[in-house]
């Protein structure tokens, strides 16, 4: 079986958080260099996938201006990345969905192809990026037919993606050659620290 092609994969940018550590501002719209964080993600992810969706729970009009559908969590109460994932899988019209957070503007140019190769080689339902001993569950390639299991997990009170993974056939995909690509920006200090030329990565 061959790995899925980009046209078979929908990209989901997770921008639905509250940005508490950013002082309550909408993190995806915080500017890094010449553009908001979400724009850097879209630039890197768009060439790797077919359709693109943005998951956001505020500022829908601004997010829509980037030219992709915007969806909100269907699970109330800001339930975290799993709520965004549930909404993305529900909106997904392709066999696979890949996720990326809005606060990691340096994601690898070959993120999706490597996840797809790992998923296919291990006949898994989910492939998750890993650097060293650290998993990055918000960088995952997921079979879209896992939506019912995710809904059952969330309905039972589950909120942690790592716990959901344990229910499924999943595989870690190593990115030890580029750990810096998964750097995320969570605070104003981290944003300022990356302003000096890091957008050229």
Protein backbone atom coordinates (compact mmCIF):
# COMPACT_ATOMS: atom_id res chain seq x y z
CA UNK A 1 0.00 0.00 0.00
CA UNK A 2 1.34 3.41 -0.99
CA UNK A 3 1.35 6.38 1.40
CA UNK A 4 -1.55 8.79 0.90
CA UNK A 5 -0.99 11.61 -1.55
CA UNK A 6 -1.39 15.27 -0.57
CA UNK A 7 -4.79 15.36 -2.29
CA UNK A 8 -5.99 12.64 0.10
CA UNK A 9 -5.01 14.67 3.16
CA UNK A 10 -6.79 17.66 4.71
CA UNK A 11 -4.68 20.05 6.75
CA UNK A 12 -6.11 21.33 10.03
CA UNK A 13 -4.51 24.32 11.76
CA UNK A 14 -5.42 24.35 15.45
CA UNK A 15 -6.00 27.96 16.50
CA UNK A 16 -8.87 27.47 18.93
CA UNK A 17 -7.10 28.02 22.24
CA UNK A 18 -7.54 30.86 24.68
CA UNK A 19 -3.92 32.04 24.58
CA UNK A 20 -3.71 32.31 28.37
CA UNK A 21 0.10 32.31 28.40
CA UNK A 22 0.07 35.00 25.70
CA UNK A 23 -1.87 37.29 28.01
CA UNK A 24 -5.25 36.27 26.64
CA UNK A 25 -4.59 37.44 23.09
CA UNK A 26 -5.46 35.30 20.07
CA UNK A 27 -2.14 33.53 19.63
CA UNK A 28 -2.59 32.63 15.98
CA UNK A 29 -2.97 36.30 15.10
CA UNK A 30 0.14 37.43 17.01
CA UNK A 31 2.66 38.74 14.50
CA UNK A 32 6.03 37.13 13.89
CA UNK A 33 8.09 39.12 11.44
CA UNK A 34 5.97 40.04 8.42
CA UNK A 35 2.86 38.03 9.23
CA UNK A 36 0.65 36.49 11.94
CA UNK A 37 1.72 33.12 13.29
CA UNK A 38 -1.14 31.36 11.52
CA UNK A 39 0.05 32.71 8.16
CA UNK A 40 3.48 31.13 8.67
CA UNK A 41 1.80 27.80 9.40
CA UNK A 42 -0.40 28.03 6.31
CA UNK A 43 2.57 28.86 4.08
CA UNK A 44 4.42 25.76 5.20
CA UNK A 45 1.49 23.37 5.40
CA UNK A 46 -0.43 24.29 2.23
CA UNK A 47 2.07 22.73 -0.24
CA UNK A 48 1.91 19.45 1.68
CA UNK A 49 -1.86 18.86 1.68
CA UNK A 50 -5.03 19.20 -0.37
CA UNK A 51 -7.80 21.11 1.45
CA UNK A 52 -6.98 23.28 4.46
CA UNK A 53 -9.20 24.11 7.44
CA UNK A 54 -8.59 26.51 10.33
CA UNK A 55 -10.05 25.67 13.74
CA UNK A 56 -10.72 28.91 15.64
CA UNK A 57 -13.16 29.95 18.35
CA UNK A 58 -12.84 33.72 17.96
CA UNK A 59 -12.02 36.28 15.27
CA UNK A 60 -13.60 34.13 12.55
CA UNK A 61 -13.64 36.97 10.04
CA UNK A 62 -9.91 37.57 10.36
CA UNK A 63 -9.09 33.88 10.05
CA UNK A 64 -11.41 33.57 7.04
CA UNK A 65 -9.41 36.30 5.30
CA UNK A 66 -6.58 33.79 4.85
CA UNK A 67 -8.73 32.01 2.29
CA UNK A 68 -9.63 28.75 4.01
CA UNK A 69 -12.76 27.49 5.79
CA UNK A 70 -12.91 28.31 9.50
CA UNK A 71 -14.62 25.96 11.94
CA UNK A 72 -15.28 26.23 15.67
CA UNK A 73 -15.16 23.57 18.34
CA UNK A 74 -18.42 21.66 18.52
CA UNK A 75 -17.58 20.58 22.07
CA UNK A 76 -18.27 23.46 24.43
CA UNK A 77 -16.02 24.85 27.11
CA UNK A 78 -12.68 25.16 25.29
CA UNK A 79 -11.86 21.48 25.69
CA UNK A 80 -8.40 21.81 24.14
CA UNK A 81 -6.82 20.30 21.01
CA UNK A 82 -9.09 17.25 21.04
CA UNK A 83 -12.11 19.51 20.58
CA UNK A 84 -10.45 21.13 17.57
CA UNK A 85 -9.51 17.72 16.23
CA UNK A 86 -13.10 16.47 16.63
CA UNK A 87 -14.41 19.47 14.68
CA UNK A 88 -11.75 19.00 12.01
CA UNK A 89 -12.47 15.31 11.54
CA UNK A 90 -16.19 16.06 11.33
CA UNK A 91 -15.52 18.60 8.54
CA UNK A 92 -12.91 16.48 6.77
CA UNK A 93 -13.88 15.16 3.31
CA UNK A 94 -10.63 13.27 2.61
CA UNK A 95 -9.44 9.91 3.97
CA UNK A 96 -6.80 11.54 6.17
CA UNK A 97 -6.37 14.63 8.32
CA UNK A 98 -3.08 16.16 9.44
CA UNK A 99 -2.92 18.61 12.34
CA UNK A 100 -0.56 21.44 13.17
CA UNK A 101 -0.82 24.07 15.93
CA UNK A 102 -0.91 27.76 15.16
CA UNK A 103 2.08 28.48 17.40
CA UNK A 104 4.79 26.40 15.65
CA UNK A 105 5.77 28.49 12.63
CA UNK A 106 8.83 26.47 11.66
CA UNK A 107 7.17 23.10 10.95
CA UNK A 108 9.09 20.82 8.56
CA UNK A 109 8.52 21.09 4.81
CA UNK A 110 8.34 17.28 4.70
CA UNK A 111 6.17 16.86 7.82
CA UNK A 112 3.22 15.28 6.02
CA UNK A 113 5.15 12.96 3.71
CA UNK A 114 7.15 11.53 6.59
CA UNK A 115 4.07 11.03 8.74
CA UNK A 116 2.34 9.37 5.79
CA UNK A 117 5.23 6.97 5.22
CA UNK A 118 5.28 5.96 8.90
CA UNK A 119 1.53 5.49 9.04
CA UNK A 120 1.51 3.30 5.93
CA UNK A 121 4.58 1.26 6.85
CA UNK A 122 3.08 0.34 10.22
CA UNK A 123 -0.53 0.03 9.01
CA UNK A 124 -1.45 2.49 11.75
CA UNK A 125 -4.45 4.76 12.25
CA UNK A 126 -2.36 7.67 13.53
CA UNK A 127 1.25 8.76 13.04
CA UNK A 128 2.61 11.23 15.59
CA UNK A 129 5.74 13.37 15.28
CA UNK A 130 8.46 12.66 17.83
CA UNK A 131 11.80 14.28 18.63
CA UNK A 132 13.98 12.32 21.02
CA UNK A 133 11.74 11.10 23.82
CA UNK A 134 9.16 13.84 23.28
CA UNK A 135 5.94 13.19 21.39
CA UNK A 136 4.22 16.06 19.60
CA UNK A 137 0.59 14.88 19.44
CA UNK A 138 -0.64 18.10 17.84
CA UNK A 139 1.48 17.15 14.82
CA UNK A 140 -0.38 14.02 13.76
CA UNK A 141 -1.67 12.33 10.62
CA UNK A 142 -4.96 10.60 11.35
CA UNK A 143 -7.34 8.38 9.42
CA UNK A 144 -10.58 10.34 9.22
CA UNK A 145 -12.65 7.22 9.96
CA UNK A 146 -11.39 7.39 13.58
CA UNK A 147 -13.91 10.18 14.26
CA UNK A 148 -16.48 7.90 15.99
CA UNK A 149 -13.87 6.59 18.41
CA UNK A 150 -12.72 10.12 19.23
CA UNK A 151 -16.30 11.21 19.82
CA UNK A 152 -16.85 8.26 22.17
CA UNK A 153 -13.64 9.09 24.05
CA UNK A 154 -14.56 12.77 24.45
CA UNK A 155 -18.15 11.94 25.41
CA UNK A 156 -16.75 9.79 28.23
CA UNK A 157 -14.81 12.79 29.54
CA UNK A 158 -11.47 12.23 27.81
CA UNK A 159 -9.46 15.39 27.14
CA UNK A 160 -5.83 14.28 26.66
CA UNK A 161 -4.67 13.28 23.21
CA UNK A 162 -2.02 10.95 24.62
CA UNK A 163 -4.76 8.97 26.38
CA UNK A 164 -6.78 8.73 23.18
CA UNK A 165 -3.75 7.46 21.26
CA UNK A 166 -3.47 4.48 23.60
CA UNK A 167 -6.88 3.29 22.40
CA UNK A 168 -5.71 3.08 18.79
CA UNK A 169 -3.03 1.64 16.55
CA UNK A 170 -0.55 4.51 16.43
CA UNK A 171 3.09 4.97 15.53
CA UNK A 172 5.69 7.61 16.45
CA UNK A 173 7.46 9.22 13.51
CA UNK A 174 10.99 10.42 14.36
CA UNK A 175 12.13 13.92 13.43
CA UNK A 176 15.38 13.85 15.39
CA UNK A 177 17.16 15.58 12.50
CA UNK A 178 15.11 18.78 12.96
CA UNK A 179 13.91 19.20 16.56
CA UNK A 180 13.98 22.98 16.20
CA UNK A 181 11.16 22.72 13.63
CA UNK A 182 8.75 21.90 16.44
CA UNK A 183 9.57 24.95 18.57
CA UNK A 184 6.36 26.59 19.68
CA UNK A 185 5.64 30.14 20.79
CA UNK A 186 3.53 30.28 23.93
CA UNK A 187 4.44 33.55 25.63
CA UNK A 188 5.17 37.16 24.65
CA UNK A 189 8.82 36.62 25.67
CA UNK A 190 9.13 33.63 23.33
CA UNK A 191 7.56 35.66 20.53
CA UNK A 192 10.06 38.48 21.05
CA UNK A 193 12.93 35.98 21.16
CA UNK A 194 11.97 34.69 17.70
CA UNK A 195 11.53 38.09 16.07
CA UNK A 196 15.19 38.42 15.08
CA UNK A 197 15.32 36.63 11.76
CA UNK A 198 13.90 33.25 12.74
CA UNK A 199 11.18 33.49 10.09
CA UNK A 200 13.90 32.71 7.55
CA UNK A 201 14.17 29.12 8.81
